Amino acid sequence: MDRDEELLRGWVYGTDHDGPNPSLRAGWDYAGLVGGSMDGLLLDITGWSADEIQPGVALMTQLGQFGLGGRARYDLRPGERNRWDWSGDPP
């Protein structure tokens, strides 16, 4: 794991690293991303319905297979609302 990847572990996806509070917020709901280029990051799913969670997400990343502007696909792990598994990098 390189230094950049190490710094991102436990970070909330989409938060500004220069922001006033990039850490976890009490009472919010987070999903841990498992595998792929975003392994170890957290995704804020506060307020997401089951219908919004079920299809998973394709998150923008510059660390994936397609570089800047690429995406990493994460799908809900069966039976675990708060763990999402990497399923590939769509173009």
C-alpha atoms as a PDB file:
ATOM      1  CA  MET A   1       0.000   0.000   0.000  1.00  0.00           C
ATOM      2  CA  ASP A   2       1.490   3.371  -0.963  1.00  0.00           C
ATOM      3  CA  ARG A   3       1.339   6.467   1.225  1.00  0.00           C
ATOM      4  CA  ASP A   4      -1.668   8.012  -0.596  1.00  0.00           C
ATOM      5  CA  GLU A   5      -3.697   4.820  -0.186  1.00  0.00           C
ATOM      6  CA  GLU A   6      -2.738   4.610   3.480  1.00  0.00           C
ATOM      7  CA  LEU A   7      -3.964   8.161   4.113  1.00  0.00           C
ATOM      8  CA  LEU A   8      -7.344   7.411   2.508  1.00  0.00           C
ATOM      9  CA  ARG A   9      -8.222   4.398   4.667  1.00  0.00           C
ATOM     10  CA  GLY A  10     -11.146   5.274   6.931  1.00  0.00           C
ATOM     11  CA  TRP A  11     -11.832   8.485   4.986  1.00  0.00           C
ATOM     12  CA  VAL A  12     -15.384   9.385   4.003  1.00  0.00           C
ATOM     13  CA  TYR A  13     -15.815   9.418   0.205  1.00  0.00           C
ATOM     14  CA  GLY A  14     -16.641  12.870  -1.114  1.00  0.00           C
ATOM     15  CA  THR A  15     -15.416  14.856   1.876  1.00  0.00           C
ATOM     16  CA  ASP A  16     -12.957  17.658   1.291  1.00  0.00           C
ATOM     17  CA  HIS A  17      -9.599  16.853   2.845  1.00  0.00           C
ATOM     18  CA  ASP A  18      -9.270  20.563   3.682  1.00  0.00           C
ATOM     19  CA  GLY A  19     -12.787  20.781   5.083  1.00  0.00           C
ATOM     20  CA  PRO A  20     -13.500  21.678   8.706  1.00  0.00           C
ATOM     21  CA  ASN A  21     -14.702  18.178   9.663  1.00  0.00           C
ATOM     22  CA  PRO A  22     -13.860  15.381   7.228  1.00  0.00           C
ATOM     23  CA  SER A  23     -14.359  12.685   9.865  1.00  0.00           C
ATOM     24  CA  LEU A  24     -17.356  10.599  10.894  1.00  0.00           C
ATOM     25  CA  ARG A  25     -20.393  12.351  12.292  1.00  0.00           C
ATOM     26  CA  ALA A  26     -22.404  10.951  15.175  1.00  0.00           C
ATOM     27  CA  GLY A  27     -25.784   9.576  14.121  1.00  0.00           C
ATOM     28  CA  TRP A  28     -24.872   9.345  10.424  1.00  0.00           C
ATOM     29  CA  ASP A  29     -24.916   6.057   8.516  1.00  0.00           C
ATOM     30  CA  TYR A  30     -21.816   4.866   6.630  1.00  0.00           C
ATOM     31  CA  ALA A  31     -21.015   1.913   4.396  1.00  0.00           C
ATOM     32  CA  GLY A  32     -17.482   0.529   4.294  1.00  0.00           C
ATOM     33  CA  LEU A  33     -16.146   0.006   0.763  1.00  0.00           C
ATOM     34  CA  VAL A  34     -14.347  -3.328   0.399  1.00  0.00           C
ATOM     35  CA  GLY A  35     -11.842  -4.085  -2.365  1.00  0.00           C
ATOM     36  CA  GLY A  36     -10.906  -2.156  -5.486  1.00  0.00           C
ATOM     37  CA  SER A  37      -9.357   1.271  -5.585  1.00  0.00           C
ATOM     38  CA  MET A  38     -11.490   2.608  -2.731  1.00  0.00           C
ATOM     39  CA  ASP A  39     -10.899  -0.215  -0.272  1.00  0.00           C
ATOM     40  CA  GLY A  40     -11.191   1.129   3.256  1.00  0.00           C
ATOM     41  CA  LEU A  41     -13.082   4.313   2.358  1.00  0.00           C
ATOM     42  CA  LEU A  42     -16.478   4.999   3.857  1.00  0.00           C
ATOM     43  CA  LEU A  43     -19.566   6.104   1.925  1.00  0.00           C
ATOM     44  CA  ASP A  44     -22.136   8.338   3.618  1.00  0.00           C
ATOM     45  CA  ILE A  45     -25.500   6.614   3.096  1.00  0.00           C
ATOM     46  CA  THR A  46     -27.410   8.665   5.654  1.00  0.00           C
ATOM     47  CA  GLY A  47     -31.028   8.919   4.597  1.00  0.00           C
ATOM     48  CA  TRP A  48     -30.723   6.443   1.699  1.00  0.00           C
ATOM     49  CA  SER A  49     -33.753   4.181   1.296  1.00  0.00           C
ATOM     50  CA  ALA A  50     -33.507   0.444   0.641  1.00  0.00           C
ATOM     51  CA  ASP A  51     -34.430   1.152  -2.993  1.00  0.00           C
ATOM     52  CA  GLU A  52     -31.528   3.597  -3.319  1.00  0.00           C
ATOM     53  CA  ILE A  53     -29.056   1.203  -1.699  1.00  0.00           C
ATOM     54  CA  GLN A  54     -30.037  -2.002  -3.505  1.00  0.00           C
ATOM     55  CA  PRO A  55     -28.583  -1.181  -6.962  1.00  0.00           C
ATOM     56  CA  GLY A  56     -25.210  -0.111  -5.528  1.00  0.00           C
ATOM     57  CA  VAL A  57     -23.140   2.787  -6.851  1.00  0.00           C
ATOM     58  CA  ALA A  58     -20.518   3.706  -9.413  1.00  0.00           C
ATOM     59  CA  LEU A  59     -18.263   6.247  -7.691  1.00  0.00           C
ATOM     60  CA  MET A  60     -15.900   8.598  -9.485  1.00  0.00           C
ATOM     61  CA  THR A  61     -12.228   7.843  -8.850  1.00  0.00           C
ATOM     62  CA  GLN A  62      -8.864   8.594 -10.377  1.00  0.00           C
ATOM     63  CA  LEU A  63      -7.339   5.529  -8.741  1.00  0.00           C
ATOM     64  CA  GLY A  64      -9.218   2.897 -10.758  1.00  0.00           C
ATOM     65  CA  GLN A  65      -8.458   1.053 -13.970  1.00  0.00           C
ATOM     66  CA  PHE A  66      -9.481   3.989 -16.197  1.00  0.00           C
ATOM     67  CA  GLY A  67      -7.669   6.743 -14.280  1.00  0.00           C
ATOM     68  CA  LEU A  68      -8.966  10.297 -13.993  1.00  0.00           C
ATOM     69  CA  GLY A  69     -12.704  10.378 -14.665  1.00  0.00           C
ATOM     70  CA  GLY A  70     -13.079   6.626 -14.170  1.00  0.00           C
ATOM     71  CA  ARG A  71     -15.463   4.916 -11.802  1.00  0.00           C
ATOM     72  CA  ALA A  72     -15.395   2.116  -9.279  1.00  0.00           C
ATOM     73  CA  ARG A  73     -18.531   0.013  -8.872  1.00  0.00           C
ATOM     74  CA  TYR A  74     -19.629  -1.123  -5.400  1.00  0.00           C
ATOM     75  CA  ASP A  75     -22.592  -3.347  -4.600  1.00  0.00           C
ATOM     76  CA  LEU A  76     -24.367  -4.033  -1.341  1.00  0.00           C
ATOM     77  CA  ARG A  77     -23.036  -7.147   0.373  1.00  0.00           C
ATOM     78  CA  PRO A  78     -25.968  -9.533   0.881  1.00  0.00           C
ATOM     79  CA  GLY A  79     -27.324  -9.201   4.400  1.00  0.00           C
ATOM     80  CA  GLU A  80     -25.006  -6.311   5.339  1.00  0.00           C
ATOM     81  CA  ARG A  81     -26.310  -2.794   4.701  1.00  0.00           C
ATOM     82  CA  ASN A  82     -23.021  -1.271   5.833  1.00  0.00           C
ATOM     83  CA  ARG A  83     -20.536  -3.311   3.736  1.00  0.00           C
ATOM     84  CA  TRP A  84     -20.298  -2.826  -0.033  1.00  0.00           C
ATOM     85  CA  ASP A  85     -18.073  -4.965  -2.228  1.00  0.00           C
ATOM     86  CA  TRP A  86     -16.156  -3.802  -5.276  1.00  0.00           C
ATOM     87  CA  SER A  87     -17.477  -5.390  -8.475  1.00  0.00           C
ATOM     88  CA  GLY A  88     -15.252  -3.731 -11.070  1.00  0.00           C
ATOM     89  CA  ASP A  89     -14.328  -0.496 -12.811  1.00  0.00           C
ATOM     90  CA  PRO A  90     -16.800   0.448 -15.552  1.00  0.00           C
ATOM     91  CA  PRO A  91     -15.486   2.829 -18.214  1.00  0.00           C
END
